[in-house]
Amino acid sequence: MIDSAMTLVSSQLNQHLQRTFDLAEDVVVVSNILEQDGSLLSHVDNKLAMFLVNIEKDEFPHRRNPDGGTVGADRAVTGYTPVYLNLYVMFAGNFSGGNYIESLKFISNTISYFQRRPVFDHDNTPDLDPRIEKLVLDIENLPITDLANLWGILSGKYMPSILYKMRMVGFDSGDVVTQIPAVKDAQTSVGS
């Protein structure tokens, strides 16, 4: 589901940037910036790279039913409790030389887009994976030393970028553990 969440958000942002700047090609690419050997990836040149920086378990998720169960008309079904994750997602403008200002333009418009649309749910995004209830994007502020350390790990060379915390990515396997017949309302009369 991580891939589904990343693909959906990049696609939505891509559509927005294409409309805003009248672009025919994709400008947002879900990709690392470097190969494992440290060489630059050519397909992210002059693109806004979107990549995963970290994954953490959300210790305080907003769950509908903590035991993972659902109740129907004639039975109750229990399953595994969904796992809620926070994905830390970086958007980095990989524009060099005379195109540096393009990095700033695309980062600015990314911030503007997620300010206007911080939540992706099934009402406003029908393509959202049915296993995901919703995605909420918040800017994650990093102290300059942490940012320097992060870019040291990523490539050693800073690019104009912004880090978002993507909350509420729920992993629900949908596996049924048990099915229990539902308790019917018994009509009881008092004093009879």
N, C-alpha and C. Protein backbone atom coordinates (compact mmCIF):
# COMPACT_ATOMS: atom_id res chain seq x y z
N MET A 1 0.80 -1.20 0.00
CA MET A 1 0.00 0.00 0.00
C MET A 1 0.84 1.27 0.00
N ILE A 2 2.07 1.19 0.44
CA ILE A 2 2.95 2.37 0.40
C ILE A 2 3.10 2.82 -1.04
N ASP A 3 3.32 1.87 -1.93
CA ASP A 3 3.46 2.22 -3.35
C ASP A 3 2.20 2.88 -3.89
N SER A 4 1.04 2.37 -3.46
CA SER A 4 -0.24 2.93 -3.90
C SER A 4 -0.40 4.38 -3.42
N ALA A 5 -0.05 4.62 -2.16
CA ALA A 5 -0.17 5.98 -1.61
C ALA A 5 0.78 6.94 -2.32
N MET A 6 2.01 6.51 -2.52
CA MET A 6 3.01 7.37 -3.19
C MET A 6 2.60 7.66 -4.63
N THR A 7 2.16 6.64 -5.34
CA THR A 7 1.76 6.80 -6.74
C THR A 7 0.57 7.73 -6.87
N LEU A 8 -0.40 7.56 -5.97
CA LEU A 8 -1.60 8.41 -6.02
C LEU A 8 -1.24 9.88 -5.79
N VAL A 9 -0.49 10.15 -4.74
CA VAL A 9 -0.14 11.54 -4.43
C VAL A 9 0.68 12.15 -5.55
N SER A 10 1.65 11.42 -6.09
CA SER A 10 2.46 11.96 -7.18
C SER A 10 1.61 12.23 -8.42
N SER A 11 0.67 11.35 -8.70
CA SER A 11 -0.21 11.53 -9.85
C SER A 11 -1.09 12.77 -9.69
N GLN A 12 -1.65 12.96 -8.50
CA GLN A 12 -2.50 14.12 -8.25
C GLN A 12 -1.69 15.41 -8.36
N LEU A 13 -0.50 15.42 -7.78
CA LEU A 13 0.36 16.60 -7.86
C LEU A 13 0.79 16.85 -9.30
N ASN A 14 1.12 15.79 -10.01
CA ASN A 14 1.52 15.90 -11.42
C ASN A 14 0.42 16.55 -12.26
N GLN A 15 -0.81 16.09 -12.06
CA GLN A 15 -1.93 16.66 -12.82
C GLN A 15 -2.08 18.15 -12.52
N HIS A 16 -1.93 18.50 -11.25
CA HIS A 16 -2.04 19.92 -10.87
C HIS A 16 -0.94 20.75 -11.55
N LEU A 17 0.30 20.27 -11.48
CA LEU A 17 1.41 21.03 -12.07
C LEU A 17 1.30 21.10 -13.59
N GLN A 18 0.83 20.02 -14.22
CA GLN A 18 0.65 20.04 -15.67
C GLN A 18 -0.40 21.07 -16.08
N ARG A 19 -1.50 21.14 -15.32
CA ARG A 19 -2.53 22.15 -15.63
C ARG A 19 -2.00 23.56 -15.36
N THR A 20 -1.32 23.75 -14.25
CA THR A 20 -0.83 25.07 -13.86
C THR A 20 0.15 25.63 -14.86
N PHE A 21 1.07 24.79 -15.35
CA PHE A 21 2.15 25.27 -16.23
C PHE A 21 1.98 24.82 -17.67
N ASP A 22 0.82 24.26 -18.00
CA ASP A 22 0.54 23.81 -19.36
C ASP A 22 1.66 22.90 -19.88
N LEU A 23 1.92 21.83 -19.12
CA LEU A 23 2.97 20.87 -19.46
C LEU A 23 2.36 19.63 -20.08
N ALA A 24 3.03 19.05 -21.04
CA ALA A 24 2.56 17.82 -21.67
C ALA A 24 3.15 16.59 -20.99
N GLU A 25 4.33 16.73 -20.42
CA GLU A 25 4.99 15.58 -19.80
C GLU A 25 4.91 15.65 -18.28
N ASP A 26 5.14 14.49 -17.66
CA ASP A 26 5.15 14.43 -16.20
C ASP A 26 6.36 15.18 -15.66
N VAL A 27 6.14 15.91 -14.59
CA VAL A 27 7.25 16.62 -13.95
C VAL A 27 7.57 16.01 -12.59
N VAL A 28 6.62 15.28 -12.00
CA VAL A 28 6.83 14.62 -10.71
C VAL A 28 7.18 13.16 -10.98
N VAL A 29 8.29 12.71 -10.39
CA VAL A 29 8.75 11.34 -10.57
C VAL A 29 8.97 10.72 -9.20
N VAL A 30 8.35 9.57 -8.96
CA VAL A 30 8.60 8.83 -7.72
C VAL A 30 9.88 8.04 -7.95
N SER A 31 10.96 8.50 -7.31
CA SER A 31 12.26 7.90 -7.58
C SER A 31 13.31 8.38 -6.59
N ASN A 32 14.30 7.54 -6.37
CA ASN A 32 15.51 8.01 -5.70
C ASN A 32 16.18 9.03 -6.59
N ILE A 33 17.09 9.79 -6.01
CA ILE A 33 17.86 10.75 -6.80
C ILE A 33 19.12 10.09 -7.36
N LEU A 34 19.67 9.15 -6.58
CA LEU A 34 20.92 8.48 -6.95
C LEU A 34 20.73 6.98 -7.08
N GLU A 35 21.56 6.38 -7.91
CA GLU A 35 21.66 4.92 -7.97
C GLU A 35 22.36 4.45 -6.70
N GLN A 36 22.32 3.15 -6.44
CA GLN A 36 22.99 2.59 -5.27
C GLN A 36 24.51 2.83 -5.31
N ASP A 37 25.08 2.95 -6.50
CA ASP A 37 26.52 3.19 -6.61
C ASP A 37 26.88 4.67 -6.48
N GLY A 38 25.89 5.52 -6.29
CA GLY A 38 26.14 6.96 -6.10
C GLY A 38 26.02 7.79 -7.36
N SER A 39 25.82 7.17 -8.50
CA SER A 39 25.68 7.93 -9.75
C SER A 39 24.28 8.53 -9.84
N LEU A 40 24.20 9.65 -10.56
CA LEU A 40 22.92 10.35 -10.72
C LEU A 40 21.99 9.57 -11.64
N LEU A 41 20.73 9.59 -11.33
CA LEU A 41 19.73 8.98 -12.20
C LEU A 41 19.31 10.00 -13.25
N SER A 42 19.42 9.65 -14.50
CA SER A 42 19.13 10.61 -15.57
C SER A 42 17.64 10.91 -15.70
N HIS A 43 16.76 9.98 -15.32
CA HIS A 43 15.33 10.20 -15.50
C HIS A 43 14.75 11.19 -14.49
N VAL A 44 15.55 11.65 -13.53
CA VAL A 44 15.06 12.66 -12.59
C VAL A 44 15.65 14.04 -12.88
N ASP A 45 16.42 14.16 -13.96
CA ASP A 45 16.93 15.47 -14.36
C ASP A 45 15.77 16.38 -14.74
N ASN A 46 15.80 17.60 -14.23
CA ASN A 46 14.77 18.59 -14.49
C ASN A 46 13.37 18.07 -14.13
N LYS A 47 13.30 17.39 -13.00
CA LYS A 47 12.04 16.85 -12.47
C LYS A 47 11.94 17.17 -10.98
N LEU A 48 10.75 17.03 -10.47
CA LEU A 48 10.50 17.10 -9.04
C LEU A 48 10.47 15.66 -8.55
N ALA A 49 11.53 15.27 -7.83
CA ALA A 49 11.63 13.90 -7.35
C ALA A 49 10.85 13.76 -6.05
N MET A 50 10.06 12.72 -5.96
CA MET A 50 9.30 12.39 -4.76
C MET A 50 9.83 11.06 -4.26
N PHE A 51 10.32 11.04 -3.01
CA PHE A 51 10.86 9.79 -2.51
C PHE A 51 10.61 9.64 -1.02
N LEU A 52 10.61 8.39 -0.59
CA LEU A 52 10.35 8.03 0.79
C LEU A 52 11.62 8.19 1.61
N VAL A 53 11.51 8.91 2.73
CA VAL A 53 12.66 9.15 3.61
C VAL A 53 12.60 8.24 4.84
N ASN A 54 11.39 7.98 5.35
CA ASN A 54 11.26 7.15 6.55
C ASN A 54 9.82 6.66 6.66
N ILE A 55 9.67 5.56 7.41
CA ILE A 55 8.37 4.99 7.74
C ILE A 55 8.33 4.81 9.25
N GLU A 56 7.23 5.23 9.87
CA GLU A 56 7.07 4.98 11.30
C GLU A 56 5.65 4.54 11.58
N LYS A 57 5.50 3.75 12.63
CA LYS A 57 4.17 3.33 13.06
C LYS A 57 3.52 4.48 13.80
N ASP A 58 2.27 4.75 13.47
CA ASP A 58 1.51 5.79 14.16
C ASP A 58 1.00 5.17 15.46
N GLU A 59 1.49 5.68 16.57
CA GLU A 59 1.12 5.12 17.87
C GLU A 59 -0.23 5.62 18.36
N PHE A 60 -0.80 6.63 17.71
CA PHE A 60 -2.08 7.16 18.14
C PHE A 60 -3.00 7.33 16.94
N PRO A 61 -3.31 6.22 16.27
CA PRO A 61 -4.18 6.34 15.09
C PRO A 61 -5.63 6.53 15.50
N HIS A 62 -6.39 7.06 14.58
CA HIS A 62 -7.82 7.25 14.77
C HIS A 62 -8.51 6.07 14.12
N ARG A 63 -8.84 5.09 14.94
CA ARG A 63 -9.41 3.85 14.41
C ARG A 63 -10.91 3.83 14.59
N ARG A 64 -11.56 3.22 13.63
CA ARG A 64 -13.01 3.05 13.73
C ARG A 64 -13.36 1.97 14.74
N ASN A 65 -12.63 0.86 14.71
CA ASN A 65 -12.90 -0.26 15.59
C ASN A 65 -11.57 -0.87 15.99
N PRO A 66 -11.13 -0.70 17.24
CA PRO A 66 -9.79 -1.12 17.62
C PRO A 66 -9.51 -2.60 17.51
N ASP A 67 -10.53 -3.47 17.52
CA ASP A 67 -10.26 -4.90 17.42
C ASP A 67 -10.24 -5.37 15.97
N GLY A 68 -10.40 -4.45 15.03
CA GLY A 68 -10.34 -4.81 13.62
C GLY A 68 -11.60 -5.47 13.10
N GLY A 69 -12.67 -5.46 13.89
CA GLY A 69 -13.90 -6.15 13.51
C GLY A 69 -14.90 -5.24 12.83
N THR A 70 -15.81 -5.88 12.13
CA THR A 70 -16.94 -5.17 11.54
C THR A 70 -18.20 -5.94 11.91
N VAL A 71 -19.28 -5.24 11.97
CA VAL A 71 -20.54 -5.88 12.34
C VAL A 71 -21.51 -5.74 11.19
N GLY A 72 -22.09 -6.86 10.79
CA GLY A 72 -23.08 -6.86 9.73
C GLY A 72 -24.45 -7.19 10.31
N ALA A 73 -25.43 -7.38 9.45
CA ALA A 73 -26.79 -7.64 9.89
C ALA A 73 -26.91 -9.01 10.56
N ASP A 74 -26.17 -10.00 10.06
CA ASP A 74 -26.34 -11.34 10.61
C ASP A 74 -25.07 -11.95 11.19
N ARG A 75 -23.98 -11.20 11.19
CA ARG A 75 -22.73 -11.75 11.75
C ARG A 75 -21.76 -10.64 12.09
N ALA A 76 -20.84 -10.96 12.95
CA ALA A 76 -19.74 -10.07 13.28
C ALA A 76 -18.47 -10.73 12.77
N VAL A 77 -17.60 -9.96 12.18
CA VAL A 77 -16.37 -10.48 11.62
C VAL A 77 -15.20 -9.78 12.31
N THR A 78 -14.24 -10.56 12.76
CA THR A 78 -13.05 -9.96 13.34
C THR A 78 -11.86 -10.30 12.46
N GLY A 79 -10.93 -9.38 12.42
CA GLY A 79 -9.72 -9.56 11.63
C GLY A 79 -8.55 -8.99 12.39
N TYR A 80 -7.46 -8.84 11.71
CA TYR A 80 -6.28 -8.25 12.33
C TYR A 80 -6.47 -6.75 12.43
N THR A 81 -5.98 -6.18 13.50
CA THR A 81 -6.07 -4.75 13.69
C THR A 81 -5.23 -4.06 12.62
N PRO A 82 -5.78 -3.08 11.91
CA PRO A 82 -5.00 -2.37 10.90
C PRO A 82 -3.79 -1.68 11.52
N VAL A 83 -2.73 -1.57 10.76
CA VAL A 83 -1.54 -0.86 11.18
C VAL A 83 -1.56 0.50 10.49
N TYR A 84 -1.41 1.55 11.26
CA TYR A 84 -1.38 2.90 10.71
C TYR A 84 0.05 3.39 10.69
N LEU A 85 0.46 3.93 9.56
CA LEU A 85 1.83 4.36 9.38
C LEU A 85 1.90 5.84 9.03
N ASN A 86 3.03 6.43 9.37
CA ASN A 86 3.38 7.76 8.90
C ASN A 86 4.51 7.58 7.90
N LEU A 87 4.33 8.12 6.72
CA LEU A 87 5.38 8.09 5.70
C LEU A 87 5.99 9.48 5.63
N TYR A 88 7.30 9.57 5.71
CA TYR A 88 7.98 10.84 5.53
C TYR A 88 8.44 10.91 4.08
N VAL A 89 7.86 11.85 3.36
CA VAL A 89 8.04 11.95 1.91
C VAL A 89 8.71 13.27 1.56
N MET A 90 9.77 13.20 0.80
CA MET A 90 10.52 14.38 0.37
C MET A 90 10.17 14.70 -1.08
N PHE A 91 9.97 15.98 -1.34
CA PHE A 91 9.84 16.48 -2.71
C PHE A 91 11.05 17.35 -2.95
N ALA A 92 11.87 16.99 -3.92
CA ALA A 92 13.11 17.73 -4.19
C ALA A 92 13.16 18.14 -5.66
N GLY A 93 13.45 19.41 -5.87
CA GLY A 93 13.58 19.93 -7.23
C GLY A 93 14.97 19.63 -7.76
N ASN A 94 15.05 18.74 -8.73
CA ASN A 94 16.34 18.33 -9.29
C ASN A 94 16.59 19.07 -10.60
N PHE A 95 16.73 20.39 -10.49
CA PHE A 95 16.99 21.24 -11.64
C PHE A 95 18.34 21.89 -11.40
N SER A 96 19.22 21.81 -12.36
CA SER A 96 20.57 22.33 -12.15
C SER A 96 20.87 23.50 -13.08
N GLY A 97 21.98 24.15 -12.79
CA GLY A 97 22.46 25.24 -13.64
C GLY A 97 21.44 26.35 -13.81
N GLY A 98 21.19 26.71 -15.06
CA GLY A 98 20.27 27.79 -15.38
C GLY A 98 18.82 27.47 -15.05
N ASN A 99 18.52 26.21 -14.74
CA ASN A 99 17.16 25.82 -14.41
C ASN A 99 16.87 25.81 -12.92
N TYR A 100 17.80 26.32 -12.10
CA TYR A 100 17.64 26.29 -10.65
C TYR A 100 16.34 26.95 -10.21
N ILE A 101 15.98 28.05 -10.85
CA ILE A 101 14.76 28.77 -10.47
C ILE A 101 13.52 27.89 -10.67
N GLU A 102 13.59 26.92 -11.60
CA GLU A 102 12.50 25.97 -11.80
C GLU A 102 12.27 25.13 -10.55
N SER A 103 13.35 24.78 -9.86
CA SER A 103 13.22 24.04 -8.60
C SER A 103 12.35 24.82 -7.62
N LEU A 104 12.65 26.09 -7.49
CA LEU A 104 11.91 26.93 -6.55
C LEU A 104 10.46 27.08 -6.96
N LYS A 105 10.23 27.19 -8.26
CA LYS A 105 8.87 27.31 -8.78
C LYS A 105 8.05 26.06 -8.47
N PHE A 106 8.62 24.88 -8.72
CA PHE A 106 7.88 23.65 -8.50
C PHE A 106 7.72 23.33 -7.02
N ILE A 107 8.71 23.65 -6.20
CA ILE A 107 8.57 23.46 -4.75
C ILE A 107 7.49 24.39 -4.22
N SER A 108 7.49 25.64 -4.64
CA SER A 108 6.47 26.60 -4.20
C SER A 108 5.07 26.14 -4.56
N ASN A 109 4.91 25.65 -5.77
CA ASN A 109 3.59 25.19 -6.21
C ASN A 109 3.18 23.88 -5.54
N THR A 110 4.14 23.08 -5.15
CA THR A 110 3.85 21.86 -4.38
C THR A 110 3.30 22.24 -3.01
N ILE A 111 3.95 23.19 -2.37
CA ILE A 111 3.49 23.66 -1.06
C ILE A 111 2.08 24.25 -1.18
N SER A 112 1.87 25.05 -2.18
CA SER A 112 0.57 25.66 -2.40
C SER A 112 -0.51 24.61 -2.64
N TYR A 113 -0.19 23.59 -3.42
CA TYR A 113 -1.16 22.54 -3.72
C TYR A 113 -1.58 21.79 -2.46
N PHE A 114 -0.59 21.37 -1.65
CA PHE A 114 -0.92 20.61 -0.45
C PHE A 114 -1.51 21.49 0.65
N GLN A 115 -1.30 22.80 0.57
CA GLN A 115 -1.96 23.70 1.50
C GLN A 115 -3.46 23.73 1.21
N ARG A 116 -3.80 23.74 -0.07
CA ARG A 116 -5.21 23.76 -0.48
C ARG A 116 -5.86 22.39 -0.38
N ARG A 117 -5.05 21.35 -0.51
CA ARG A 117 -5.59 19.99 -0.51
C ARG A 117 -4.71 19.06 0.34
N PRO A 118 -4.82 19.20 1.67
CA PRO A 118 -3.97 18.38 2.54
C PRO A 118 -4.51 16.97 2.79
N VAL A 119 -5.77 16.71 2.41
CA VAL A 119 -6.39 15.42 2.70
C VAL A 119 -6.85 14.76 1.40
N PHE A 120 -6.51 13.48 1.27
CA PHE A 120 -6.99 12.66 0.16
C PHE A 120 -7.83 11.55 0.77
N ASP A 121 -9.11 11.53 0.44
CA ASP A 121 -9.99 10.48 0.95
C ASP A 121 -10.84 9.97 -0.21
N HIS A 122 -11.74 9.05 0.09
CA HIS A 122 -12.53 8.43 -0.98
C HIS A 122 -13.56 9.38 -1.57
N ASP A 123 -13.91 10.43 -0.84
CA ASP A 123 -14.86 11.41 -1.38
C ASP A 123 -14.21 12.32 -2.42
N ASN A 124 -12.99 12.82 -2.13
CA ASN A 124 -12.36 13.75 -3.06
C ASN A 124 -11.35 13.08 -4.00
N THR A 125 -11.07 11.80 -3.77
CA THR A 125 -10.12 11.07 -4.61
C THR A 125 -10.62 9.65 -4.82
N PRO A 126 -11.50 9.44 -5.79
CA PRO A 126 -12.07 8.11 -6.00
C PRO A 126 -11.03 7.03 -6.30
N ASP A 127 -9.85 7.41 -6.81
CA ASP A 127 -8.81 6.44 -7.14
C ASP A 127 -8.01 5.96 -5.93
N LEU A 128 -8.31 6.48 -4.74
CA LEU A 128 -7.59 6.07 -3.53
C LEU A 128 -7.81 4.58 -3.28
N ASP A 129 -6.74 3.89 -3.00
CA ASP A 129 -6.78 2.45 -2.72
C ASP A 129 -7.84 2.18 -1.66
N PRO A 130 -8.75 1.23 -1.88
CA PRO A 130 -9.82 0.97 -0.92
C PRO A 130 -9.31 0.52 0.45
N ARG A 131 -8.08 0.03 0.53
CA ARG A 131 -7.52 -0.39 1.81
C ARG A 131 -7.02 0.78 2.64
N ILE A 132 -6.99 1.98 2.03
CA ILE A 132 -6.53 3.17 2.73
C ILE A 132 -7.73 4.06 3.00
N GLU A 133 -7.94 4.41 4.26
CA GLU A 133 -9.08 5.26 4.61
C GLU A 133 -8.87 6.69 4.10
N LYS A 134 -7.72 7.26 4.43
CA LYS A 134 -7.39 8.60 3.95
C LYS A 134 -5.90 8.86 4.14
N LEU A 135 -5.42 9.87 3.44
CA LEU A 135 -4.05 10.34 3.56
C LEU A 135 -4.09 11.81 3.94
N VAL A 136 -3.28 12.18 4.91
CA VAL A 136 -3.20 13.57 5.34
C VAL A 136 -1.75 14.00 5.25
N LEU A 137 -1.48 15.09 4.53
CA LEU A 137 -0.12 15.57 4.37
C LEU A 137 0.10 16.84 5.18
N ASP A 138 1.15 16.81 6.01
CA ASP A 138 1.56 17.95 6.82
C ASP A 138 3.03 18.21 6.58
N ILE A 139 3.40 19.48 6.51
CA ILE A 139 4.82 19.83 6.39
C ILE A 139 5.53 19.41 7.66
N GLU A 140 6.67 18.78 7.51
CA GLU A 140 7.49 18.36 8.64
C GLU A 140 8.70 19.28 8.71
N ASN A 141 8.79 20.03 9.78
CA ASN A 141 9.93 20.94 9.96
C ASN A 141 11.12 20.20 10.54
N LEU A 142 12.26 20.39 9.95
CA LEU A 142 13.50 19.80 10.45
C LEU A 142 14.47 20.91 10.83
N PRO A 143 15.11 20.79 11.99
CA PRO A 143 16.19 21.72 12.30
C PRO A 143 17.28 21.60 11.24
N ILE A 144 18.02 22.67 11.01
CA ILE A 144 19.02 22.70 9.94
C ILE A 144 20.05 21.59 10.07
N THR A 145 20.42 21.23 11.30
CA THR A 145 21.40 20.14 11.48
C THR A 145 20.80 18.80 11.06
N ASP A 146 19.52 18.56 11.39
CA ASP A 146 18.88 17.32 10.96
C ASP A 146 18.71 17.28 9.45
N LEU A 147 18.40 18.44 8.87
CA LEU A 147 18.28 18.52 7.41
C LEU A 147 19.62 18.23 6.75
N ALA A 148 20.69 18.79 7.30
CA ALA A 148 22.03 18.53 6.77
C ALA A 148 22.37 17.05 6.86
N ASN A 149 22.05 16.44 7.99
CA ASN A 149 22.31 15.00 8.15
C ASN A 149 21.49 14.18 7.14
N LEU A 150 20.23 14.55 6.96
CA LEU A 150 19.38 13.83 6.01
C LEU A 150 19.95 13.92 4.60
N TRP A 151 20.31 15.12 4.17
CA TRP A 151 20.87 15.27 2.82
C TRP A 151 22.23 14.60 2.70
N GLY A 152 22.96 14.51 3.80
CA GLY A 152 24.23 13.76 3.78
C GLY A 152 23.98 12.29 3.50
N ILE A 153 22.92 11.75 4.07
CA ILE A 153 22.56 10.35 3.83
C ILE A 153 22.04 10.16 2.41
N LEU A 154 21.25 11.12 1.92
CA LEU A 154 20.61 10.98 0.62
C LEU A 154 21.57 11.12 -0.55
N SER A 155 22.39 12.17 -0.51
CA SER A 155 23.28 12.39 -1.66
C SER A 155 24.49 13.25 -1.33
N GLY A 156 24.41 13.94 -0.22
CA GLY A 156 25.50 14.83 0.13
C GLY A 156 25.35 16.22 -0.45
N LYS A 157 24.43 16.39 -1.41
CA LYS A 157 24.24 17.68 -2.05
C LYS A 157 22.80 18.13 -1.89
N TYR A 158 22.60 19.25 -1.24
CA TYR A 158 21.27 19.76 -1.00
C TYR A 158 20.60 20.21 -2.29
N MET A 159 19.31 19.93 -2.37
CA MET A 159 18.46 20.43 -3.45
C MET A 159 17.28 21.13 -2.80
N PRO A 160 16.72 22.15 -3.44
CA PRO A 160 15.52 22.76 -2.87
C PRO A 160 14.46 21.66 -2.66
N SER A 161 13.95 21.61 -1.44
CA SER A 161 13.08 20.48 -1.11
C SER A 161 12.15 20.83 0.03
N ILE A 162 11.17 19.98 0.21
CA ILE A 162 10.26 20.08 1.35
C ILE A 162 9.91 18.66 1.78
N LEU A 163 9.83 18.50 3.10
CA LEU A 163 9.52 17.19 3.68
C LEU A 163 8.10 17.22 4.22
N TYR A 164 7.33 16.20 3.86
CA TYR A 164 5.96 16.06 4.34
C TYR A 164 5.83 14.76 5.14
N LYS A 165 4.99 14.83 6.15
CA LYS A 165 4.59 13.64 6.90
C LYS A 165 3.22 13.25 6.34
N MET A 166 3.15 12.07 5.73
CA MET A 166 1.91 11.56 5.18
C MET A 166 1.31 10.62 6.22
N ARG A 167 0.24 11.06 6.86
CA ARG A 167 -0.36 10.30 7.96
C ARG A 167 -1.54 9.45 7.52
N MET A 168 -1.83 8.48 8.36
CA MET A 168 -3.02 7.64 8.24
C MET A 168 -2.98 6.68 7.06
N VAL A 169 -1.83 6.17 6.76
CA VAL A 169 -1.74 5.12 5.75
C VAL A 169 -2.04 3.82 6.49
N GLY A 170 -3.24 3.27 6.33
CA GLY A 170 -3.65 2.08 7.06
C GLY A 170 -3.40 0.82 6.28
N PHE A 171 -2.72 -0.11 6.90
CA PHE A 171 -2.53 -1.43 6.31
C PHE A 171 -3.59 -2.33 6.91
N ASP A 172 -4.57 -2.68 6.12
CA ASP A 172 -5.60 -3.60 6.57
C ASP A 172 -5.59 -4.76 5.59
N SER A 173 -5.13 -5.90 6.07
CA SER A 173 -4.99 -7.06 5.18
C SER A 173 -6.33 -7.57 4.68
N GLY A 174 -7.40 -7.28 5.44
CA GLY A 174 -8.71 -7.76 5.04
C GLY A 174 -8.93 -9.23 5.39
N ASP A 175 -7.92 -9.87 6.01
CA ASP A 175 -8.06 -11.27 6.40
C ASP A 175 -9.10 -11.41 7.49
N VAL A 176 -9.95 -12.40 7.36
CA VAL A 176 -10.97 -12.67 8.38
C VAL A 176 -10.39 -13.70 9.33
N VAL A 177 -10.41 -13.37 10.63
CA VAL A 177 -9.93 -14.30 11.64
C VAL A 177 -11.07 -15.17 12.14
N THR A 178 -12.20 -14.55 12.47
CA THR A 178 -13.36 -15.30 12.95
C THR A 178 -14.63 -14.64 12.45
N GLN A 179 -15.68 -15.44 12.39
CA GLN A 179 -17.02 -14.94 12.11
C GLN A 179 -17.91 -15.43 13.23
N ILE A 180 -18.62 -14.52 13.82
CA ILE A 180 -19.48 -14.84 14.95
C ILE A 180 -20.90 -14.43 14.59
N PRO A 181 -21.87 -15.33 14.79
CA PRO A 181 -23.26 -14.93 14.51
C PRO A 181 -23.63 -13.73 15.38
N ALA A 182 -24.31 -12.79 14.80
CA ALA A 182 -24.69 -11.59 15.53
C ALA A 182 -25.79 -11.93 16.52
N VAL A 183 -25.78 -11.23 17.64
CA VAL A 183 -26.81 -11.41 18.66
C VAL A 183 -28.04 -10.63 18.22
N LYS A 184 -29.17 -11.31 18.16
CA LYS A 184 -30.41 -10.66 17.76
C LYS A 184 -31.02 -10.02 18.99
N ASP A 185 -31.76 -8.96 18.81
CA ASP A 185 -32.44 -8.30 19.91
C ASP A 185 -33.56 -9.21 20.40
N ALA A 186 -33.44 -9.67 21.60
CA ALA A 186 -34.50 -10.50 22.17
C ALA A 186 -35.52 -9.58 22.82
N GLN A 187 -36.77 -9.82 22.52
CA GLN A 187 -37.83 -9.00 23.12
C GLN A 187 -38.17 -9.61 24.46
N THR A 188 -38.00 -8.82 25.45
CA THR A 188 -38.33 -9.29 26.80
C THR A 188 -39.41 -8.41 27.36
N SER A 189 -40.24 -9.00 28.12
CA SER A 189 -41.29 -8.20 28.75
C SER A 189 -41.07 -8.23 30.25
N VAL A 190 -41.24 -7.11 30.85
CA VAL A 190 -41.03 -6.98 32.27
C VAL A 190 -42.34 -7.29 32.97
N GLY A 191 -42.26 -8.13 34.02
CA GLY A 191 -43.41 -8.44 34.85
C GLY A 191 -44.33 -9.49 34.26
N SER A 192 -43.94 -10.25 33.25
CA SER A 192 -44.84 -11.27 32.74
C SER A 192 -44.48 -12.63 33.24
